[in-house]
Amino acid sequence: MKESLANVPGEADFEAQEWVPTTGSKLVSDFARTHILLGIFDGDPDRWLEFILREGTPEERENDLPWVQAIRRRMVADPGLLDRMRWLLREWSATFSGT
């Protein structure tokens, strides 16, 4: 069993997985990245940027970094974007969970 990183100074309270499909279909990629942003980084693109720059793979730097930078700019220009993203994911989830 892996030790939690919650008590390690400077470490995030989550484990990075080896593979998350963020290439291929733009729809799938955008959904996966939105889920990662909200679910792992609590909607904070700066945390994700720091993670990618500190520990990201070459693929994450090539594929995810531009998306995170773009969504960060959009969030600055549109303060309601984060709330809408959260609402959309909840609605999508509710559609398939029957709640």
C-alpha atoms as a PDB file:
ATOM      1  CA  MET A   1       0.000   0.000   0.000  1.00  0.00           C
ATOM      2  CA  LYS A   2       1.365   3.396  -0.976  1.00  0.00           C
ATOM      3  CA  GLU A   3       1.902   6.042   1.655  1.00  0.00           C
ATOM      4  CA  SER A   4      -0.298   9.113   1.295  1.00  0.00           C
ATOM      5  CA  LEU A   5       1.455  12.217   0.038  1.00  0.00           C
ATOM      6  CA  ALA A   6      -0.864  14.357   2.163  1.00  0.00           C
ATOM      7  CA  ASN A   7       1.730  14.831   4.903  1.00  0.00           C
ATOM      8  CA  VAL A   8       4.759  15.337   2.703  1.00  0.00           C
ATOM      9  CA  PRO A   9       5.602  19.058   2.509  1.00  0.00           C
ATOM     10  CA  GLY A  10       5.338  20.384  -1.023  1.00  0.00           C
ATOM     11  CA  GLU A  11       3.641  17.266  -2.358  1.00  0.00           C
ATOM     12  CA  ALA A  12       0.107  17.057  -3.696  1.00  0.00           C
ATOM     13  CA  ASP A  13      -2.552  14.934  -2.010  1.00  0.00           C
ATOM     14  CA  PHE A  14      -3.084  12.624  -4.974  1.00  0.00           C
ATOM     15  CA  GLU A  15      -1.302  10.026  -7.046  1.00  0.00           C
ATOM     16  CA  ALA A  16      -0.594  10.547 -10.720  1.00  0.00           C
ATOM     17  CA  GLN A  17      -1.749   7.686 -12.893  1.00  0.00           C
ATOM     18  CA  GLU A  18       0.415   6.273 -15.649  1.00  0.00           C
ATOM     19  CA  TRP A  19      -2.135   6.736 -18.423  1.00  0.00           C
ATOM     20  CA  VAL A  20      -5.027   9.089 -19.023  1.00  0.00           C
ATOM     21  CA  PRO A  21      -6.346   9.312 -22.581  1.00  0.00           C
ATOM     22  CA  THR A  22      -5.965  12.979 -23.508  1.00  0.00           C
ATOM     23  CA  THR A  23      -5.083  12.513 -27.172  1.00  0.00           C
ATOM     24  CA  GLY A  24      -7.144  11.409 -30.131  1.00  0.00           C
ATOM     25  CA  SER A  25     -10.710  12.679 -30.144  1.00  0.00           C
ATOM     26  CA  LYS A  26     -10.909  16.377 -29.238  1.00  0.00           C
ATOM     27  CA  LEU A  27     -14.177  15.709 -27.394  1.00  0.00           C
ATOM     28  CA  VAL A  28     -12.611  12.939 -25.305  1.00  0.00           C
ATOM     29  CA  SER A  29      -9.451  14.976 -24.740  1.00  0.00           C
ATOM     30  CA  ASP A  30     -11.316  18.082 -23.613  1.00  0.00           C
ATOM     31  CA  PHE A  31     -13.588  16.059 -21.324  1.00  0.00           C
ATOM     32  CA  ALA A  32     -10.648  14.211 -19.772  1.00  0.00           C
ATOM     33  CA  ARG A  33      -8.718  17.434 -19.227  1.00  0.00           C
ATOM     34  CA  THR A  34     -11.753  19.168 -17.743  1.00  0.00           C
ATOM     35  CA  HIS A  35     -12.256  16.243 -15.383  1.00  0.00           C
ATOM     36  CA  ILE A  36      -8.569  16.326 -14.402  1.00  0.00           C
ATOM     37  CA  LEU A  37      -8.679  20.095 -13.822  1.00  0.00           C
ATOM     38  CA  LEU A  38     -11.775  19.884 -11.623  1.00  0.00           C
ATOM     39  CA  GLY A  39     -11.307  16.505  -9.978  1.00  0.00           C
ATOM     40  CA  ILE A  40      -7.595  16.468  -9.259  1.00  0.00           C
ATOM     41  CA  PHE A  41      -6.617  20.144  -9.208  1.00  0.00           C
ATOM     42  CA  ASP A  42      -9.902  21.511  -7.799  1.00  0.00           C
ATOM     43  CA  GLY A  43     -10.310  23.900 -10.719  1.00  0.00           C
ATOM     44  CA  ASP A  44      -6.921  25.562 -10.183  1.00  0.00           C
ATOM     45  CA  PRO A  45      -5.007  25.626 -13.483  1.00  0.00           C
ATOM     46  CA  ASP A  46      -1.929  27.053 -11.753  1.00  0.00           C
ATOM     47  CA  ARG A  47      -1.615  23.883  -9.662  1.00  0.00           C
ATOM     48  CA  TRP A  48      -1.784  21.778 -12.822  1.00  0.00           C
ATOM     49  CA  LEU A  49       0.742  23.989 -14.614  1.00  0.00           C
ATOM     50  CA  GLU A  50       3.140  23.675 -11.686  1.00  0.00           C
ATOM     51  CA  PHE A  51       2.669  19.906 -11.648  1.00  0.00           C
ATOM     52  CA  ILE A  52       3.324  19.566 -15.395  1.00  0.00           C
ATOM     53  CA  LEU A  53       6.403  21.781 -15.235  1.00  0.00           C
ATOM     54  CA  ARG A  54       7.740  19.946 -12.179  1.00  0.00           C
ATOM     55  CA  GLU A  55       6.838  16.328 -12.944  1.00  0.00           C
ATOM     56  CA  GLY A  56       5.112  16.149 -16.310  1.00  0.00           C
ATOM     57  CA  THR A  57       6.029  13.711 -19.026  1.00  0.00           C
ATOM     58  CA  PRO A  58       7.075  14.966 -22.457  1.00  0.00           C
ATOM     59  CA  GLU A  59       3.596  13.977 -23.696  1.00  0.00           C
ATOM     60  CA  GLU A  60       1.891  16.000 -20.942  1.00  0.00           C
ATOM     61  CA  ARG A  61       4.063  18.996 -21.756  1.00  0.00           C
ATOM     62  CA  GLU A  62       3.262  18.697 -25.439  1.00  0.00           C
ATOM     63  CA  ASN A  63      -0.446  17.840 -25.215  1.00  0.00           C
ATOM     64  CA  ASP A  64      -1.810  19.063 -21.872  1.00  0.00           C
ATOM     65  CA  LEU A  65       0.267  22.172 -21.182  1.00  0.00           C
ATOM     66  CA  PRO A  66      -1.187  24.231 -24.072  1.00  0.00           C
ATOM     67  CA  TRP A  67      -4.744  23.292 -23.013  1.00  0.00           C
ATOM     68  CA  VAL A  68      -4.110  24.255 -19.389  1.00  0.00           C
ATOM     69  CA  GLN A  69      -2.535  27.557 -20.435  1.00  0.00           C
ATOM     70  CA  ALA A  70      -5.488  28.322 -22.725  1.00  0.00           C
ATOM     71  CA  ILE A  71      -8.120  27.451 -20.103  1.00  0.00           C
ATOM     72  CA  ARG A  72      -6.247  29.581 -17.564  1.00  0.00           C
ATOM     73  CA  ARG A  73      -6.435  32.584 -19.927  1.00  0.00           C
ATOM     74  CA  ARG A  74     -10.145  31.910 -20.536  1.00  0.00           C
ATOM     75  CA  MET A  75     -10.814  31.694 -16.785  1.00  0.00           C
ATOM     76  CA  VAL A  76      -9.172  35.097 -16.284  1.00  0.00           C
ATOM     77  CA  ALA A  77     -11.253  36.609 -19.094  1.00  0.00           C
ATOM     78  CA  ASP A  78     -14.458  34.848 -17.995  1.00  0.00           C
ATOM     79  CA  PRO A  79     -14.761  34.523 -14.190  1.00  0.00           C
ATOM     80  CA  GLY A  80     -17.915  32.390 -14.501  1.00  0.00           C
ATOM     81  CA  LEU A  81     -16.243  29.723 -16.648  1.00  0.00           C
ATOM     82  CA  LEU A  82     -15.143  27.530 -13.738  1.00  0.00           C
ATOM     83  CA  ASP A  83     -18.648  27.405 -12.265  1.00  0.00           C
ATOM     84  CA  ARG A  84     -20.103  26.517 -15.677  1.00  0.00           C
ATOM     85  CA  MET A  85     -17.528  23.765 -16.151  1.00  0.00           C
ATOM     86  CA  ARG A  86     -18.429  22.283 -12.761  1.00  0.00           C
ATOM     87  CA  TRP A  87     -22.149  22.511 -13.563  1.00  0.00           C
ATOM     88  CA  LEU A  88     -21.660  20.835 -16.950  1.00  0.00           C
ATOM     89  CA  LEU A  89     -19.721  17.926 -15.468  1.00  0.00           C
ATOM     90  CA  ARG A  90     -22.350  17.438 -12.741  1.00  0.00           C
ATOM     91  CA  GLU A  91     -25.106  17.454 -15.370  1.00  0.00           C
ATOM     92  CA  TRP A  92     -23.224  15.040 -17.589  1.00  0.00           C
ATOM     93  CA  SER A  93     -22.633  12.701 -14.671  1.00  0.00           C
ATOM     94  CA  ALA A  94     -26.253  12.908 -13.534  1.00  0.00           C
ATOM     95  CA  THR A  95     -27.415  12.012 -17.033  1.00  0.00           C
ATOM     96  CA  PHE A  96     -25.637   8.674 -16.843  1.00  0.00           C
ATOM     97  CA  SER A  97     -26.044   7.900 -13.164  1.00  0.00           C
ATOM     98  CA  GLY A  98     -29.809   8.336 -13.120  1.00  0.00           C
ATOM     99  CA  THR A  99     -29.786  10.965 -10.335  1.00  0.00           C
END
